[in-house]
Amino acid sequence: MVTPLVQFPAPYPAARMRRVRRTPALRAMVAENTLSPADFIWPVFLMEGRDEETPVPSMPGVVRRTVDRIGAAAREAQALGIPAICLFPYTSMEARTSDCAMAWDSDNLTNRAIREIKDACPDIAVMTDIALDPYNIDGQDGYVRDGDVVNDETVEALVKMALAQAEAGADILGPSDMMDGRIGAIRGALESEGHRDVAILSYAAKFASAFYGPFRDAVGASAALKGDKKTYQIDPGNGDEAMRCVARDLAEGADMVMVKPGMPYLDVCRRVKDGFGVPTFAYQVSGEYAMLQAAAQNGWLKGEAVMMESLLAFKRAGCDGILTYYAPAAARLLNG
């Protein structure tokens, strides 16, 4: 629970709230929340090929990179003070299968990129995504059987995927699938296979949102997706259910938790932080980023100002960090 503020004791004009807003120095002294590059995780998209970058049309300013260019991105992040990169692979329809076997291939895009980053910048934390949608011919986060996304068989595949990423050198695993029981299964496998120090940042409160569209373009899932994801992602109206999901994932061995999307669910961010007191992250998802970028490019909003205001909102809501496509631009601004 948030402790209620005591009634302000002095009447106007003894109390003038504007006194401490008068100059930049005074405003800085009384700032309740601030941003740092250390607050950011930078989501980066991968693609096959060599020495290439391809823009993502629905996400202005975001590109897909070939693995040989991911080391340069890691060095850029390190120079800016960004502590972590999160990897997402683009997979063509031709490479997708019903068994999703590429998900745990040691030479898939993600696992090659992990090794590339660790060679280039050993101190950068590498986070991965654990879900079958980049590899699934159906575009779903789990196996589809007779029109249904099945839970337990999917969890077995996610465990194999997690172990392959841990073997490649990932520091943080990000199960984003929302299957029941996957955190406990992954944690148990990591312990038994000697990966005890690999952290899990669980997408514990992931909602069945309309804000994911540009991301699905970026990873090649838009054309693949059949149906929706409402049987395993949380209904947007259900805050209490989100809290139960967070409690479950923490009980199963998650080290950190995430709320996704971010800005439409700031109330959930605050409830999670106040209720559990654990490292709490939000994902400023592709749709949030795209709509701010589009408005800025059209001159309807001041781009840098809304970028920083949107990121600060997560800190005010209790988040310890933010996954954001703005990470490099915001870090550059913060670094002056």
C-alpha atoms as a PDB file:
ATOM      1  CA  MET A   1       0.000   0.000   0.000  1.00  0.00           C
ATOM      2  CA  VAL A   2       1.134   3.533  -0.750  1.00  0.00           C
ATOM      3  CA  THR A   3       1.392   5.596   2.438  1.00  0.00           C
ATOM      4  CA  PRO A   4      -1.051   8.517   2.118  1.00  0.00           C
ATOM      5  CA  LEU A   5       0.490  11.976   2.215  1.00  0.00           C
ATOM      6  CA  VAL A   6      -0.140  14.011   5.336  1.00  0.00           C
ATOM      7  CA  GLN A   7      -2.180  17.144   4.842  1.00  0.00           C
ATOM      8  CA  PHE A   8       0.045  20.019   3.802  1.00  0.00           C
ATOM      9  CA  PRO A   9       0.438  22.065   7.017  1.00  0.00           C
ATOM     10  CA  ALA A  10       0.905  25.638   5.794  1.00  0.00           C
ATOM     11  CA  PRO A  11      -1.744  27.746   4.019  1.00  0.00           C
ATOM     12  CA  TYR A  12      -1.002  30.026   1.099  1.00  0.00           C
ATOM     13  CA  PRO A  13       0.963  32.323   0.966  1.00  0.00           C
ATOM     14  CA  ALA A  14       3.267  30.742   3.560  1.00  0.00           C
ATOM     15  CA  ALA A  15       3.273  27.713   1.296  1.00  0.00           C
ATOM     16  CA  ARG A  16       3.981  28.546  -2.312  1.00  0.00           C
ATOM     17  CA  MET A  17       4.460  25.332  -4.292  1.00  0.00           C
ATOM     18  CA  ARG A  18       6.088  27.288  -7.115  1.00  0.00           C
ATOM     19  CA  ARG A  19       9.108  28.311  -4.991  1.00  0.00           C
ATOM     20  CA  VAL A  20      10.948  25.056  -5.648  1.00  0.00           C
ATOM     21  CA  ARG A  21      10.031  25.070  -9.345  1.00  0.00           C
ATOM     22  CA  ARG A  22      11.592  28.461 -10.026  1.00  0.00           C
ATOM     23  CA  THR A  23      14.983  27.393 -11.455  1.00  0.00           C
ATOM     24  CA  PRO A  24      16.479  24.259 -13.014  1.00  0.00           C
ATOM     25  CA  ALA A  25      18.730  23.813  -9.969  1.00  0.00           C
ATOM     26  CA  LEU A  26      15.807  23.897  -7.547  1.00  0.00           C
ATOM     27  CA  ARG A  27      13.751  21.547  -9.705  1.00  0.00           C
ATOM     28  CA  ALA A  28      16.656  19.091  -9.834  1.00  0.00           C
ATOM     29  CA  MET A  29      17.034  19.200  -6.041  1.00  0.00           C
ATOM     30  CA  VAL A  30      13.432  18.164  -5.394  1.00  0.00           C
ATOM     31  CA  ALA A  31      12.949  15.731  -8.296  1.00  0.00           C
ATOM     32  CA  GLU A  32      11.244  12.601  -6.999  1.00  0.00           C
ATOM     33  CA  ASN A  33      12.156  10.422  -9.985  1.00  0.00           C
ATOM     34  CA  THR A  34      14.991  10.650 -12.471  1.00  0.00           C
ATOM     35  CA  LEU A  35      16.206   8.707 -15.496  1.00  0.00           C
ATOM     36  CA  SER A  36      19.611   7.205 -16.193  1.00  0.00           C
ATOM     37  CA  PRO A  37      20.928   5.117 -19.105  1.00  0.00           C
ATOM     38  CA  ALA A  38      21.284   2.346 -16.513  1.00  0.00           C
ATOM     39  CA  ASP A  39      17.474   2.156 -16.400  1.00  0.00           C
ATOM     40  CA  PHE A  40      17.242   0.851 -19.981  1.00  0.00           C
ATOM     41  CA  ILE A  41      17.256  -2.501 -21.716  1.00  0.00           C
ATOM     42  CA  TRP A  42      17.613  -2.078 -25.484  1.00  0.00           C
ATOM     43  CA  PRO A  43      15.517  -4.494 -27.617  1.00  0.00           C
ATOM     44  CA  VAL A  44      17.394  -5.352 -30.833  1.00  0.00           C
ATOM     45  CA  PHE A  45      16.121  -7.274 -33.864  1.00  0.00           C
ATOM     46  CA  LEU A  46      18.251  -9.843 -35.686  1.00  0.00           C
ATOM     47  CA  MET A  47      18.141 -11.146 -39.237  1.00  0.00           C
ATOM     48  CA  GLU A  48      20.085 -13.509 -41.476  1.00  0.00           C
ATOM     49  CA  GLY A  49      22.687 -12.185 -43.894  1.00  0.00           C
ATOM     50  CA  ARG A  50      25.943 -10.354 -43.595  1.00  0.00           C
ATOM     51  CA  ASP A  51      26.855  -6.730 -42.919  1.00  0.00           C
ATOM     52  CA  GLU A  52      23.302  -5.470 -43.373  1.00  0.00           C
ATOM     53  CA  GLU A  53      20.691  -3.394 -41.621  1.00  0.00           C
ATOM     54  CA  THR A  54      17.060  -3.218 -42.738  1.00  0.00           C
ATOM     55  CA  PRO A  55      14.592  -0.602 -41.423  1.00  0.00           C
ATOM     56  CA  VAL A  56      11.375  -1.791 -39.793  1.00  0.00           C
ATOM     57  CA  PRO A  57       8.791   0.368 -41.630  1.00  0.00           C
ATOM     58  CA  SER A  58       6.222   0.402 -38.809  1.00  0.00           C
ATOM     59  CA  MET A  59       8.878   1.381 -36.228  1.00  0.00           C
ATOM     60  CA  PRO A  60      10.657   4.529 -37.489  1.00  0.00           C
ATOM     61  CA  GLY A  61      14.294   4.536 -36.413  1.00  0.00           C
ATOM     62  CA  VAL A  62      14.420   0.791 -35.627  1.00  0.00           C
ATOM     63  CA  VAL A  63      16.343  -1.680 -37.784  1.00  0.00           C
ATOM     64  CA  ARG A  64      16.994  -5.403 -38.074  1.00  0.00           C
ATOM     65  CA  ARG A  65      20.716  -6.225 -37.899  1.00  0.00           C
ATOM     66  CA  THR A  66      22.720  -9.169 -39.118  1.00  0.00           C
ATOM     67  CA  VAL A  67      24.616 -11.028 -36.419  1.00  0.00           C
ATOM     68  CA  ASP A  68      27.995  -9.673 -37.528  1.00  0.00           C
ATOM     69  CA  ARG A  69      26.714  -6.161 -36.693  1.00  0.00           C
ATOM     70  CA  ILE A  70      25.413  -6.986 -33.236  1.00  0.00           C
ATOM     71  CA  GLY A  71      28.847  -6.531 -31.655  1.00  0.00           C
ATOM     72  CA  ALA A  72      28.879  -2.911 -32.791  1.00  0.00           C
ATOM     73  CA  ALA A  73      25.434  -2.412 -31.242  1.00  0.00           C
ATOM     74  CA  ALA A  74      26.724  -3.873 -27.984  1.00  0.00           C
ATOM     75  CA  ARG A  75      29.714  -1.529 -28.005  1.00  0.00           C
ATOM     76  CA  GLU A  76      27.358   1.396 -28.650  1.00  0.00           C
ATOM     77  CA  ALA A  77      25.205   0.377 -25.683  1.00  0.00           C
ATOM     78  CA  GLN A  78      28.220   0.037 -23.438  1.00  0.00           C
ATOM     79  CA  ALA A  79      29.564   3.444 -24.442  1.00  0.00           C
ATOM     80  CA  LEU A  80      26.179   5.009 -23.668  1.00  0.00           C
ATOM     81  CA  GLY A  81      25.899   3.327 -20.251  1.00  0.00           C
ATOM     82  CA  ILE A  82      23.050   0.978 -21.244  1.00  0.00           C
ATOM     83  CA  PRO A  83      23.578  -2.216 -19.239  1.00  0.00           C
ATOM     84  CA  ALA A  84      21.611  -4.774 -21.261  1.00  0.00           C
ATOM     85  CA  ILE A  85      20.471  -5.751 -24.747  1.00  0.00           C
ATOM     86  CA  CYS A  86      17.463  -7.980 -25.450  1.00  0.00           C
ATOM     87  CA  LEU A  87      17.535 -10.071 -28.653  1.00  0.00           C
ATOM     88  CA  PHE A  88      14.627 -10.823 -30.990  1.00  0.00           C
ATOM     89  CA  PRO A  89      15.059 -12.804 -34.231  1.00  0.00           C
ATOM     90  CA  TYR A  90      13.315 -12.173 -37.533  1.00  0.00           C
ATOM     91  CA  THR A  91      12.317 -15.449 -39.186  1.00  0.00           C
ATOM     92  CA  SER A  92      10.893 -15.734 -42.680  1.00  0.00           C
ATOM     93  CA  MET A  93       7.785 -17.822 -43.348  1.00  0.00           C
ATOM     94  CA  GLU A  94       9.916 -20.312 -45.272  1.00  0.00           C
ATOM     95  CA  ALA A  95      12.045 -21.018 -42.195  1.00  0.00           C
ATOM     96  CA  ARG A  96       9.100 -21.579 -39.833  1.00  0.00           C
ATOM     97  CA  THR A  97       7.919 -25.083 -38.942  1.00  0.00           C
ATOM     98  CA  SER A  98       5.209 -26.747 -36.902  1.00  0.00           C
ATOM     99  CA  ASP A  99       7.765 -28.379 -34.564  1.00  0.00           C
ATOM    100  CA  CYS A 100       9.649 -25.058 -34.004  1.00  0.00           C
ATOM    101  CA  ALA A 101      12.923 -26.983 -33.782  1.00  0.00           C
ATOM    102  CA  MET A 102      14.960 -23.896 -34.742  1.00  0.00           C
ATOM    103  CA  ALA A 103      14.013 -22.404 -31.353  1.00  0.00           C
ATOM    104  CA  TRP A 104      16.634 -24.526 -29.563  1.00  0.00           C
ATOM    105  CA  ASP A 105      19.178 -24.854 -32.365  1.00  0.00           C
ATOM    106  CA  SER A 106      22.559 -23.782 -30.994  1.00  0.00           C
ATOM    107  CA  ASP A 107      23.274 -21.948 -34.251  1.00  0.00           C
ATOM    108  CA  ASN A 108      20.032 -20.000 -34.554  1.00  0.00           C
ATOM    109  CA  LEU A 109      20.136 -16.218 -34.818  1.00  0.00           C
ATOM    110  CA  THR A 110      19.720 -15.563 -31.119  1.00  0.00           C
ATOM    111  CA  ASN A 111      22.358 -18.006 -29.934  1.00  0.00           C
ATOM    112  CA  ARG A 112      24.902 -16.817 -32.495  1.00  0.00           C
ATOM    113  CA  ALA A 113      24.202 -13.223 -31.467  1.00  0.00           C
ATOM    114  CA  ILE A 114      24.689 -14.060 -27.773  1.00  0.00           C
ATOM    115  CA  ARG A 115      28.154 -15.398 -28.518  1.00  0.00           C
ATOM    116  CA  GLU A 116      28.954 -12.416 -30.751  1.00  0.00           C
ATOM    117  CA  ILE A 117      28.026  -9.941 -28.003  1.00  0.00           C
ATOM    118  CA  LYS A 118      29.959 -11.815 -25.348  1.00  0.00           C
ATOM    119  CA  ASP A 119      33.028 -11.749 -27.566  1.00  0.00           C
ATOM    120  CA  ALA A 120      32.650  -8.024 -28.289  1.00  0.00           C
ATOM    121  CA  CYS A 121      31.468  -6.743 -24.896  1.00  0.00           C
ATOM    122  CA  PRO A 122      31.644  -9.340 -22.122  1.00  0.00           C
ATOM    123  CA  ASP A 123      30.259  -6.913 -19.541  1.00  0.00           C
ATOM    124  CA  ILE A 124      26.998  -6.195 -21.386  1.00  0.00           C
ATOM    125  CA  ALA A 125      24.107  -8.270 -20.010  1.00  0.00           C
ATOM    126  CA  VAL A 126      22.400 -10.263 -22.750  1.00  0.00           C
ATOM    127  CA  MET A 127      18.679 -10.921 -22.386  1.00  0.00           C
ATOM    128  CA  THR A 128      16.774 -13.288 -24.641  1.00  0.00           C
ATOM    129  CA  ASP A 129      13.179 -13.997 -25.550  1.00  0.00           C
ATOM    130  CA  ILE A 130      11.652 -17.389 -24.815  1.00  0.00           C
ATOM    131  CA  ALA A 131       8.534 -18.107 -26.877  1.00  0.00           C
ATOM    132  CA  LEU A 132       7.867 -20.129 -30.003  1.00  0.00           C
ATOM    133  CA  ASP A 133       6.260 -17.405 -32.120  1.00  0.00           C
ATOM    134  CA  PRO A 134       9.401 -16.462 -34.100  1.00  0.00           C
ATOM    135  CA  TYR A 135       9.719 -20.080 -35.247  1.00  0.00           C
ATOM    136  CA  ASN A 136       6.120 -21.283 -35.362  1.00  0.00           C
ATOM    137  CA  ILE A 137       4.358 -21.672 -38.719  1.00  0.00           C
ATOM    138  CA  ASP A 138       1.168 -20.670 -36.859  1.00  0.00           C
ATOM    139  CA  GLY A 139       2.695 -17.525 -35.335  1.00  0.00           C
ATOM    140  CA  GLN A 140       1.571 -18.535 -31.850  1.00  0.00           C
ATOM    141  CA  ASP A 141       3.771 -18.577 -28.732  1.00  0.00           C
ATOM    142  CA  GLY A 142       3.035 -22.286 -28.286  1.00  0.00           C
ATOM    143  CA  TYR A 143       2.254 -25.404 -30.246  1.00  0.00           C
ATOM    144  CA  VAL A 144      -1.126 -25.470 -31.949  1.00  0.00           C
ATOM    145  CA  ARG A 145      -3.037 -28.753 -31.801  1.00  0.00           C
ATOM    146  CA  ASP A 146      -6.537 -29.001 -33.301  1.00  0.00           C
ATOM    147  CA  GLY A 147      -6.835 -25.227 -33.206  1.00  0.00           C
ATOM    148  CA  ASP A 148      -5.791 -24.880 -29.560  1.00  0.00           C
ATOM    149  CA  VAL A 149      -2.488 -23.623 -28.147  1.00  0.00           C
ATOM    150  CA  VAL A 150      -1.413 -26.487 -25.891  1.00  0.00           C
ATOM    151  CA  ASN A 151       0.327 -25.752 -22.627  1.00  0.00           C
ATOM    152  CA  ASP A 152       2.407 -28.649 -21.333  1.00  0.00           C
ATOM    153  CA  GLU A 153       3.924 -29.721 -24.641  1.00  0.00           C
ATOM    154  CA  THR A 154       4.872 -26.103 -25.256  1.00  0.00           C
ATOM    155  CA  VAL A 155       6.563 -25.865 -21.850  1.00  0.00           C
ATOM    156  CA  GLU A 156       8.787 -28.829 -22.755  1.00  0.00           C
ATOM    157  CA  ALA A 157       9.908 -26.965 -25.889  1.00  0.00           C
ATOM    158  CA  LEU A 158      10.497 -23.751 -23.947  1.00  0.00           C
ATOM    159  CA  VAL A 159      12.780 -25.588 -21.542  1.00  0.00           C
ATOM    160  CA  LYS A 160      14.922 -26.785 -24.458  1.00  0.00           C
ATOM    161  CA  MET A 161      14.996 -23.241 -25.814  1.00  0.00           C
ATOM    162  CA  ALA A 162      16.049 -21.842 -22.427  1.00  0.00           C
ATOM    163  CA  LEU A 163      18.859 -24.351 -22.010  1.00  0.00           C
ATOM    164  CA  ALA A 164      20.230 -23.604 -25.481  1.00  0.00           C
ATOM    165  CA  GLN A 165      20.297 -19.880 -24.701  1.00  0.00           C
ATOM    166  CA  ALA A 166      21.947 -20.470 -21.343  1.00  0.00           C
ATOM    167  CA  GLU A 167      24.584 -22.652 -23.013  1.00  0.00           C
ATOM    168  CA  ALA A 168      25.244 -19.854 -25.514  1.00  0.00           C
ATOM    169  CA  GLY A 169      25.981 -17.460 -22.634  1.00  0.00           C
ATOM    170  CA  ALA A 170      22.750 -15.545 -21.990  1.00  0.00           C
ATOM    171  CA  ASP A 171      22.646 -13.667 -18.694  1.00  0.00           C
ATOM    172  CA  ILE A 172      18.875 -13.132 -18.495  1.00  0.00           C
ATOM    173  CA  LEU A 173      16.127 -15.314 -19.925  1.00  0.00           C
ATOM    174  CA  GLY A 174      12.822 -13.632 -20.751  1.00  0.00           C
ATOM    175  CA  PRO A 175       9.948 -16.137 -20.983  1.00  0.00           C
ATOM    176  CA  SER A 176       7.297 -14.160 -22.850  1.00  0.00           C
ATOM    177  CA  ASP A 177       4.926 -16.991 -23.750  1.00  0.00           C
ATOM    178  CA  MET A 178       2.558 -16.914 -20.755  1.00  0.00           C
ATOM    179  CA  MET A 179       2.198 -20.708 -20.569  1.00  0.00           C
ATOM    180  CA  ASP A 180       1.279 -22.002 -17.112  1.00  0.00           C
ATOM    181  CA  GLY A 181       4.166 -23.573 -15.207  1.00  0.00           C
ATOM    182  CA  ARG A 182       6.950 -22.534 -17.555  1.00  0.00           C
ATOM    183  CA  ILE A 183       8.964 -20.581 -14.967  1.00  0.00           C
ATOM    184  CA  GLY A 184       9.178 -23.530 -12.594  1.00  0.00           C
ATOM    185  CA  ALA A 185      10.111 -25.902 -15.417  1.00  0.00           C
ATOM    186  CA  ILE A 186      12.810 -23.578 -16.762  1.00  0.00           C
ATOM    187  CA  ARG A 187      14.225 -22.842 -13.321  1.00  0.00           C
ATOM    188  CA  GLY A 188      14.394 -26.541 -12.493  1.00  0.00           C
ATOM    189  CA  ALA A 189      16.180 -27.314 -15.768  1.00  0.00           C
ATOM    190  CA  LEU A 190      18.676 -24.489 -15.283  1.00  0.00           C
ATOM    191  CA  GLU A 191      19.514 -25.729 -11.801  1.00  0.00           C
ATOM    192  CA  SER A 192      19.922 -29.353 -12.868  1.00  0.00           C
ATOM    193  CA  GLU A 193      22.080 -28.444 -15.890  1.00  0.00           C
ATOM    194  CA  GLY A 194      24.496 -26.216 -13.973  1.00  0.00           C
ATOM    195  CA  HIS A 195      23.145 -22.818 -15.036  1.00  0.00           C
ATOM    196  CA  ARG A 196      22.326 -21.693 -11.527  1.00  0.00           C
ATOM    197  CA  ASP A 197      23.375 -18.095 -12.042  1.00  0.00           C
ATOM    198  CA  VAL A 198      21.245 -17.423 -15.127  1.00  0.00           C
ATOM    199  CA  ALA A 199      18.498 -14.959 -14.182  1.00  0.00           C
ATOM    200  CA  ILE A 200      14.863 -15.108 -15.267  1.00  0.00           C
ATOM    201  CA  LEU A 201      13.031 -11.881 -16.025  1.00  0.00           C
ATOM    202  CA  SER A 202       9.533 -13.232 -16.482  1.00  0.00           C
ATOM    203  CA  TYR A 203       6.921 -11.572 -18.638  1.00  0.00           C
ATOM    204  CA  ALA A 204       4.644 -12.274 -15.708  1.00  0.00           C
ATOM    205  CA  ALA A 205       1.909  -9.737 -16.485  1.00  0.00           C
ATOM    206  CA  LYS A 206       1.614  -9.838 -20.274  1.00  0.00           C
ATOM    207  CA  PHE A 207      -1.697  -8.673 -21.636  1.00  0.00           C
ATOM    208  CA  ALA A 208      -3.557  -9.646 -24.814  1.00  0.00           C
ATOM    209  CA  SER A 209      -2.927  -6.208 -26.248  1.00  0.00           C
ATOM    210  CA  ALA A 210      -3.459  -4.463 -29.574  1.00  0.00           C
ATOM    211  CA  PHE A 211      -0.156  -2.596 -29.082  1.00  0.00           C
ATOM    212  CA  TYR A 212       2.061  -5.433 -30.369  1.00  0.00           C
ATOM    213  CA  GLY A 213       1.424  -5.036 -34.101  1.00  0.00           C
ATOM    214  CA  PRO A 214       4.679  -3.372 -35.223  1.00  0.00           C
ATOM    215  CA  PHE A 215       6.741  -5.890 -33.233  1.00  0.00           C
ATOM    216  CA  ARG A 216       5.083  -8.740 -35.091  1.00  0.00           C
ATOM    217  CA  ASP A 217       6.112  -7.042 -38.325  1.00  0.00           C
ATOM    218  CA  ALA A 218       9.676  -6.780 -37.026  1.00  0.00           C
ATOM    219  CA  VAL A 219       9.988 -10.517 -36.257  1.00  0.00           C
ATOM    220  CA  GLY A 220       7.987 -11.695 -39.263  1.00  0.00           C
ATOM    221  CA  ALA A 221       5.027 -12.983 -37.258  1.00  0.00           C
ATOM    222  CA  SER A 222       2.236 -10.802 -38.659  1.00  0.00           C
ATOM    223  CA  ALA A 223       1.621 -12.953 -41.730  1.00  0.00           C
ATOM    224  CA  ALA A 224       2.079 -16.162 -39.764  1.00  0.00           C
ATOM    225  CA  LEU A 225      -0.335 -15.490 -36.909  1.00  0.00           C
ATOM    226  CA  LYS A 226      -3.537 -17.482 -37.074  1.00  0.00           C
ATOM    227  CA  GLY A 227      -6.177 -16.366 -34.592  1.00  0.00           C
ATOM    228  CA  ASP A 228      -5.299 -14.399 -31.465  1.00  0.00           C
ATOM    229  CA  LYS A 229      -3.520 -14.993 -28.156  1.00  0.00           C
ATOM    230  CA  LYS A 230      -6.385 -14.440 -25.755  1.00  0.00           C
ATOM    231  CA  THR A 231      -6.335 -17.984 -24.332  1.00  0.00           C
ATOM    232  CA  TYR A 232      -2.948 -17.445 -22.716  1.00  0.00           C
ATOM    233  CA  GLN A 233      -2.330 -13.694 -22.413  1.00  0.00           C
ATOM    234  CA  ILE A 234      -4.194 -11.681 -19.761  1.00  0.00           C
ATOM    235  CA  ASP A 235      -7.429  -9.848 -20.540  1.00  0.00           C
ATOM    236  CA  PRO A 236      -6.706  -6.085 -20.521  1.00  0.00           C
ATOM    237  CA  GLY A 237      -9.365  -5.501 -17.870  1.00  0.00           C
ATOM    238  CA  ASN A 238      -7.937  -7.943 -15.320  1.00  0.00           C
ATOM    239  CA  GLY A 239      -5.532  -6.317 -12.869  1.00  0.00           C
ATOM    240  CA  ASP A 240      -6.094  -8.828 -10.062  1.00  0.00           C
ATOM    241  CA  GLU A 241      -5.354 -11.719 -12.411  1.00  0.00           C
ATOM    242  CA  ALA A 242      -2.079 -10.027 -13.361  1.00  0.00           C
ATOM    243  CA  MET A 243      -1.103  -9.919  -9.696  1.00  0.00           C
ATOM    244  CA  ARG A 244      -1.817 -13.631  -9.337  1.00  0.00           C
ATOM    245  CA  CYS A 245       0.355 -14.348 -12.368  1.00  0.00           C
ATOM    246  CA  VAL A 246       3.213 -12.332 -10.877  1.00  0.00           C
ATOM    247  CA  ALA A 247       2.877 -14.147  -7.546  1.00  0.00           C
ATOM    248  CA  ARG A 248       2.930 -17.516  -9.320  1.00  0.00           C
ATOM    249  CA  ASP A 249       6.037 -16.731 -11.360  1.00  0.00           C
ATOM    250  CA  LEU A 250       7.931 -15.447  -8.337  1.00  0.00           C
ATOM    251  CA  ALA A 251       6.989 -18.584  -6.409  1.00  0.00           C
ATOM    252  CA  GLU A 252       8.321 -20.695  -9.281  1.00  0.00           C
ATOM    253  CA  GLY A 253      11.721 -19.004  -9.362  1.00  0.00           C
ATOM    254  CA  ALA A 254      11.567 -15.763 -11.366  1.00  0.00           C
ATOM    255  CA  ASP A 255      14.178 -13.244 -10.233  1.00  0.00           C
ATOM    256  CA  MET A 256      12.518 -10.234 -11.855  1.00  0.00           C
ATOM    257  CA  VAL A 257       9.121  -9.566 -13.404  1.00  0.00           C
ATOM    258  CA  MET A 258       7.787  -7.504 -16.269  1.00  0.00           C
ATOM    259  CA  VAL A 259       4.546  -5.761 -17.132  1.00  0.00           C
ATOM    260  CA  LYS A 260       3.781  -5.652 -20.865  1.00  0.00           C
ATOM    261  CA  PRO A 261       2.658  -3.341 -22.473  1.00  0.00           C
ATOM    262  CA  GLY A 262       3.899  -0.441 -20.412  1.00  0.00           C
ATOM    263  CA  MET A 263       2.120   2.903 -20.656  1.00  0.00           C
ATOM    264  CA  PRO A 264      -1.467   1.548 -20.799  1.00  0.00           C
ATOM    265  CA  TYR A 265      -0.690  -0.547 -17.678  1.00  0.00           C
ATOM    266  CA  LEU A 266       1.134   1.861 -15.367  1.00  0.00           C
ATOM    267  CA  ASP A 267      -1.397   1.034 -12.651  1.00  0.00           C
ATOM    268  CA  VAL A 268      -0.296  -2.609 -12.816  1.00  0.00           C
ATOM    269  CA  CYS A 269       3.363  -1.576 -12.611  1.00  0.00           C
ATOM    270  CA  ARG A 270       2.636   0.306  -9.394  1.00  0.00           C
ATOM    271  CA  ARG A 271       0.603  -2.555  -7.926  1.00  0.00           C
ATOM    272  CA  VAL A 272       3.360  -5.062  -8.685  1.00  0.00           C
ATOM    273  CA  LYS A 273       6.099  -2.940  -7.143  1.00  0.00           C
ATOM    274  CA  ASP A 274       4.065  -2.080  -4.056  1.00  0.00           C
ATOM    275  CA  GLY A 275       2.710  -5.597  -3.653  1.00  0.00           C
ATOM    276  CA  PHE A 276       5.889  -7.629  -4.098  1.00  0.00           C
ATOM    277  CA  GLY A 277       8.867  -5.273  -3.744  1.00  0.00           C
ATOM    278  CA  VAL A 278      10.832  -7.170  -6.400  1.00  0.00           C
ATOM    279  CA  PRO A 279      12.761  -5.834  -9.403  1.00  0.00           C
ATOM    280  CA  THR A 280       9.946  -4.668 -11.669  1.00  0.00           C
ATOM    281  CA  PHE A 281      10.286  -3.817 -15.353  1.00  0.00           C
ATOM    282  CA  ALA A 282       7.970  -2.546 -18.049  1.00  0.00           C
ATOM    283  CA  TYR A 283       8.180  -3.025 -21.789  1.00  0.00           C
ATOM    284  CA  GLN A 284       7.441   0.140 -23.747  1.00  0.00           C
ATOM    285  CA  VAL A 285       6.186  -1.945 -26.635  1.00  0.00           C
ATOM    286  CA  SER A 286       6.320  -1.384 -30.370  1.00  0.00           C
ATOM    287  CA  GLY A 287       2.874   0.201 -30.633  1.00  0.00           C
ATOM    288  CA  GLU A 288       3.676   2.729 -27.917  1.00  0.00           C
ATOM    289  CA  TYR A 289       6.959   3.599 -29.615  1.00  0.00           C
ATOM    290  CA  ALA A 290       5.430   3.742 -33.097  1.00  0.00           C
ATOM    291  CA  MET A 291       2.596   6.083 -32.187  1.00  0.00           C
ATOM    292  CA  LEU A 292       4.934   8.534 -30.440  1.00  0.00           C
ATOM    293  CA  GLN A 293       7.390   8.407 -33.333  1.00  0.00           C
ATOM    294  CA  ALA A 294       4.652   8.920 -35.910  1.00  0.00           C
ATOM    295  CA  ALA A 295       3.236  11.914 -34.047  1.00  0.00           C
ATOM    296  CA  ALA A 296       6.710  13.420 -33.681  1.00  0.00           C
ATOM    297  CA  GLN A 297       7.515  12.917 -37.371  1.00  0.00           C
ATOM    298  CA  ASN A 298       4.267  14.655 -38.295  1.00  0.00           C
ATOM    299  CA  GLY A 299       5.094  17.586 -36.052  1.00  0.00           C
ATOM    300  CA  TRP A 300       2.168  16.894 -33.751  1.00  0.00           C
ATOM    301  CA  LEU A 301       4.369  16.274 -30.694  1.00  0.00           C
ATOM    302  CA  LYS A 302       7.871  17.283 -29.648  1.00  0.00           C
ATOM    303  CA  GLY A 303       9.737  14.006 -30.106  1.00  0.00           C
ATOM    304  CA  GLU A 304      12.479  14.274 -27.492  1.00  0.00           C
ATOM    305  CA  ALA A 305      10.139  15.722 -24.888  1.00  0.00           C
ATOM    306  CA  VAL A 306       7.504  12.992 -25.179  1.00  0.00           C
ATOM    307  CA  MET A 307      10.200  10.326 -25.321  1.00  0.00           C
ATOM    308  CA  MET A 308      11.631  11.406 -21.980  1.00  0.00           C
ATOM    309  CA  GLU A 309       8.246  12.074 -20.375  1.00  0.00           C
ATOM    310  CA  SER A 310       6.987   8.625 -21.367  1.00  0.00           C
ATOM    311  CA  LEU A 311      10.084   6.940 -19.921  1.00  0.00           C
ATOM    312  CA  LEU A 312       9.907   8.943 -16.692  1.00  0.00           C
ATOM    313  CA  ALA A 313       6.326   7.760 -16.232  1.00  0.00           C
ATOM    314  CA  PHE A 314       7.596   4.209 -15.739  1.00  0.00           C
ATOM    315  CA  LYS A 315       9.931   5.291 -12.964  1.00  0.00           C
ATOM    316  CA  ARG A 316       7.113   7.212 -11.278  1.00  0.00           C
ATOM    317  CA  ALA A 317       4.966   4.060 -11.475  1.00  0.00           C
ATOM    318  CA  GLY A 318       7.605   2.118  -9.556  1.00  0.00           C
ATOM    319  CA  CYS A 319       9.592   0.425 -12.318  1.00  0.00           C
ATOM    320  CA  ASP A 320      13.250  -0.352 -11.779  1.00  0.00           C
ATOM    321  CA  GLY A 321      13.928  -0.479 -15.507  1.00  0.00           C
ATOM    322  CA  ILE A 322      12.379  -0.194 -18.950  1.00  0.00           C
ATOM    323  CA  LEU A 323      12.715  -2.182 -22.150  1.00  0.00           C
ATOM    324  CA  THR A 324      12.519   0.538 -24.760  1.00  0.00           C
ATOM    325  CA  TYR A 325      13.440   1.106 -28.399  1.00  0.00           C
ATOM    326  CA  TYR A 326      14.299   4.626 -27.322  1.00  0.00           C
ATOM    327  CA  ALA A 327      17.237   3.381 -25.225  1.00  0.00           C
ATOM    328  CA  PRO A 328      20.102   4.748 -27.396  1.00  0.00           C
ATOM    329  CA  ALA A 329      18.395   8.057 -28.173  1.00  0.00           C
ATOM    330  CA  ALA A 330      17.355   8.624 -24.552  1.00  0.00           C
ATOM    331  CA  ALA A 331      20.813   7.667 -23.273  1.00  0.00           C
ATOM    332  CA  ARG A 332      22.479  10.092 -25.666  1.00  0.00           C
ATOM    333  CA  LEU A 333      20.194  12.862 -24.457  1.00  0.00           C
ATOM    334  CA  LEU A 334      20.834  12.033 -20.798  1.00  0.00           C
ATOM    335  CA  ASN A 335      24.586  11.917 -21.380  1.00  0.00           C
ATOM    336  CA  GLY A 336      24.480  15.396 -22.918  1.00  0.00           C
END
